[in-house]
Protein backbone atom coordinates (compact mmCIF):
# COMPACT_ATOMS: atom_id res chain seq x y z
CA MET A 1 0.00 -0.01 -0.01
CA THR A 2 1.39 3.43 -0.89
CA ARG A 3 1.68 6.24 1.67
CA ARG A 4 -1.18 8.04 -0.11
CA GLU A 5 -3.38 4.92 0.13
CA GLU A 6 -2.48 4.58 3.81
CA ILE A 7 -3.56 8.17 4.48
CA ILE A 8 -6.86 7.67 2.67
CA SER A 9 -7.49 4.46 4.60
CA ALA A 10 -6.62 6.18 7.89
CA VAL A 11 -9.10 8.95 7.15
CA GLN A 12 -11.86 6.39 6.68
CA THR A 13 -10.77 4.47 9.79
CA HIS A 14 -10.52 7.50 12.07
CA TRP A 15 -13.61 9.39 10.94
CA PRO A 16 -15.98 7.83 13.55
CA ALA A 17 -13.51 8.63 16.35
CA ALA A 18 -13.11 12.23 15.12
CA LEU A 19 -16.87 12.68 15.36
CA ALA A 20 -17.06 10.96 18.76
CA ALA A 21 -14.33 13.27 20.14
CA TRP A 22 -16.99 15.96 20.20
CA SER A 23 -20.17 13.97 20.80
CA ALA A 24 -21.67 10.56 20.22
CA HIS A 25 -24.41 12.39 18.36
CA THR A 26 -22.28 14.33 15.87
CA LEU A 27 -23.61 13.96 12.34
CA LEU A 28 -21.49 15.07 9.40
CA ARG A 29 -21.00 13.49 6.01
CA GLU A 30 -17.66 11.77 5.46
CA PRO A 31 -14.81 14.11 4.59
CA THR A 32 -13.75 14.79 1.03
CA VAL A 33 -10.24 13.51 0.47
CA LEU A 34 -8.26 15.60 -2.00
CA VAL A 35 -5.59 13.60 -3.83
CA ASN A 36 -4.06 16.10 -6.29
CA ALA A 37 -3.67 19.76 -7.21
CA THR A 38 -6.78 19.69 -9.41
CA ASP A 39 -8.88 18.55 -6.41
CA GLU A 40 -7.32 21.32 -4.31
CA ARG A 41 -8.19 24.04 -6.83
CA ARG A 42 -11.74 22.72 -7.33
CA ALA A 43 -12.36 22.70 -3.58
CA GLY A 44 -10.77 26.13 -3.16
CA VAL A 45 -8.31 24.91 -0.52
CA VAL A 46 -4.99 25.26 -2.30
CA GLY A 47 -2.10 24.83 0.17
CA GLN A 48 -4.31 23.93 3.13
CA ILE A 49 -3.79 20.72 5.10
CA ALA A 50 -7.43 20.41 6.11
CA SER A 51 -10.45 22.68 6.25
CA ILE A 52 -14.16 22.85 6.66
CA ARG A 53 -16.49 24.78 4.37
CA LEU A 54 -19.05 26.23 6.75
CA THR A 55 -21.64 26.82 4.02
CA ASP A 56 -22.27 23.06 3.67
CA SER A 57 -20.16 21.58 6.49
CA THR A 58 -17.89 19.74 4.07
CA ILE A 59 -14.56 18.77 5.56
CA PHE A 60 -11.59 18.48 3.22
CA LEU A 61 -8.32 16.62 3.87
CA ASN A 62 -5.49 17.41 1.48
CA VAL A 63 -3.46 14.24 1.03
CA PRO A 64 -0.57 15.84 -0.90
CA GLN A 65 -0.08 18.42 1.87
CA ILE A 66 -0.31 15.74 4.57
CA GLU A 67 2.38 13.76 2.70
CA ARG A 68 4.62 16.78 2.06
CA LEU A 69 4.52 17.88 5.70
CA GLY A 70 4.96 14.40 7.17
CA LEU A 71 1.57 14.43 8.89
CA ASN A 72 0.63 10.88 8.00
CA GLY A 73 -0.38 9.25 11.27
CA CYS A 74 -2.07 12.49 12.42
CA GLU A 75 -5.31 11.94 10.49
CA LEU A 76 -7.43 11.60 13.63
CA ALA A 77 -6.14 14.90 15.01
CA LEU A 78 -6.67 16.69 11.71
CA LEU A 79 -10.21 15.34 11.32
CA ALA A 80 -11.20 16.01 14.95
CA HIS A 81 -9.88 19.56 14.66
CA GLU A 82 -12.04 20.25 11.60
CA VAL A 83 -15.10 18.69 13.27
CA GLY A 84 -14.39 21.12 16.13
CA HIS A 85 -14.94 24.03 13.76
CA HIS A 86 -18.43 22.59 13.06
CA ILE A 87 -19.36 21.77 16.66
CA TYR A 88 -17.43 24.21 18.82
CA VAL A 89 -15.91 27.30 17.17
CA PRO A 90 -17.34 28.95 15.16
CA GLY A 91 -20.04 26.25 14.93
CA ASN A 92 -22.06 27.91 12.18
CA LEU A 93 -22.10 30.80 9.73
CA ALA A 94 -23.98 33.13 12.10
CA GLU A 95 -21.32 32.70 14.82
CA HIS A 96 -18.58 33.00 12.22
CA THR A 97 -20.02 36.35 11.08
CA ARG A 98 -20.39 37.57 14.68
CA LEU A 99 -16.77 36.68 15.37
CA PHE A 100 -15.64 38.67 12.33
CA VAL A 101 -17.67 41.71 13.36
CA VAL A 102 -16.32 41.66 16.91
CA LEU A 103 -12.71 41.18 15.73
CA GLN A 104 -13.04 43.95 13.15
CA ARG A 105 -14.03 46.34 15.97
CA ARG A 106 -11.46 45.08 18.48
CA LEU A 107 -8.46 44.92 16.12
CA ASP A 108 -8.41 48.67 15.67
CA GLY A 109 -5.46 49.66 13.51
CA LEU A 110 -4.95 46.20 12.05
CA PRO A 111 -5.89 45.95 8.34
CA SER A 112 -9.21 44.19 7.86
CA ARG A 113 -7.56 41.60 5.60
CA HIS A 114 -6.03 40.11 8.78
CA VAL A 115 -9.40 39.46 10.46
CA PRO A 116 -9.92 35.98 8.91
CA MET A 117 -6.47 34.85 10.03
CA VAL A 118 -6.97 36.14 13.57
CA ALA A 119 -10.43 34.55 13.74
CA ASN A 120 -9.05 31.20 12.62
CA LEU A 121 -6.13 31.38 15.05
CA TRP A 122 -8.49 32.13 17.92
CA ALA A 123 -10.80 29.25 16.93
CA ASP A 124 -7.84 26.91 16.47
CA ILE A 125 -6.52 27.66 19.94
CA LEU A 126 -9.88 26.88 21.55
CA ILE A 127 -10.40 23.71 19.54
CA ASN A 128 -6.86 22.41 19.99
CA ASP A 129 -6.88 23.14 23.74
CA ARG A 130 -10.11 21.17 24.22
CA LEU A 131 -8.94 18.24 22.13
CA GLN A 132 -5.49 18.07 23.76
CA ARG A 133 -6.80 18.33 27.32
CA GLU A 134 -10.06 16.40 27.18
CA THR A 135 -9.42 13.59 24.69
CA ASP A 136 -6.65 11.12 23.86
CA ILE A 137 -5.99 12.98 20.61
CA ASP A 138 -2.46 14.33 20.41
CA ILE A 139 -2.94 17.68 18.64
CA ALA A 140 0.53 18.77 19.77
CA GLU A 141 2.07 16.07 17.58
CA VAL A 142 0.70 17.88 14.50
CA TYR A 143 2.57 21.01 15.51
CA ARG A 144 5.78 19.11 16.33
CA ARG A 145 5.71 17.60 12.85
CA LEU A 146 4.95 20.95 11.21
CA ARG A 147 7.91 22.45 13.03
CA ARG A 148 10.15 19.64 11.80
CA ALA A 149 8.91 20.09 8.22
CA THR A 150 9.49 23.85 8.43
CA LYS A 151 13.04 23.35 9.74
CA LYS A 152 13.75 20.77 7.03
CA ARG A 153 12.43 23.08 4.33
CA ALA A 154 14.47 26.02 5.63
CA ALA A 155 17.65 23.87 5.66
CA GLN A 156 16.99 22.71 2.11
CA GLU A 157 16.46 26.28 0.92
CA GLU A 158 19.62 27.38 2.73
CA ASN A 159 21.61 24.60 1.10
CA HIS A 160 20.31 25.49 -2.33
CA GLY A 161 20.84 29.25 -1.89
CA ALA A 162 17.13 30.03 -2.08
CA THR A 163 15.74 32.89 -0.08
CA PRO A 164 13.20 31.70 2.51
CA PRO A 165 9.71 33.11 2.03
CA ASN A 166 8.63 36.12 4.06
CA LEU A 167 6.53 34.64 6.88
CA VAL A 168 4.84 37.89 7.95
């Protein structure tokens, strides 16, 4: 079985546990597994590891990104995190809109284009804290692996004389 096939299989295997991490009564359709750049573009999630589209509660897992960043084995954490956006924060489009309005007022002086990023960071912190502290799901492992992948990429760019991207 290829690594890609293993990831797809793990998504199917871990989906019930990702739902149960939030409630035994959580109902969402199975996630959409993206397997190539065409799928990414069609879904509108280019470069993202995983996401949820709040308009129809579709969860996307981006297999090429999971492979590239060495996140295979973290499928349960990624899925449970996205379910958390449906159940916990923001939960629905109305709460999502309220959050944006509040942040736009509170982030006085910060360009409005930063509001979506701040809103997502705030939601991610709440979701990840709950999952890490109240379940057996190791969200922290996702970030350890992301850090390793970032260091590895920076070293490769340094060795090839490339300028690292501006991470502002």
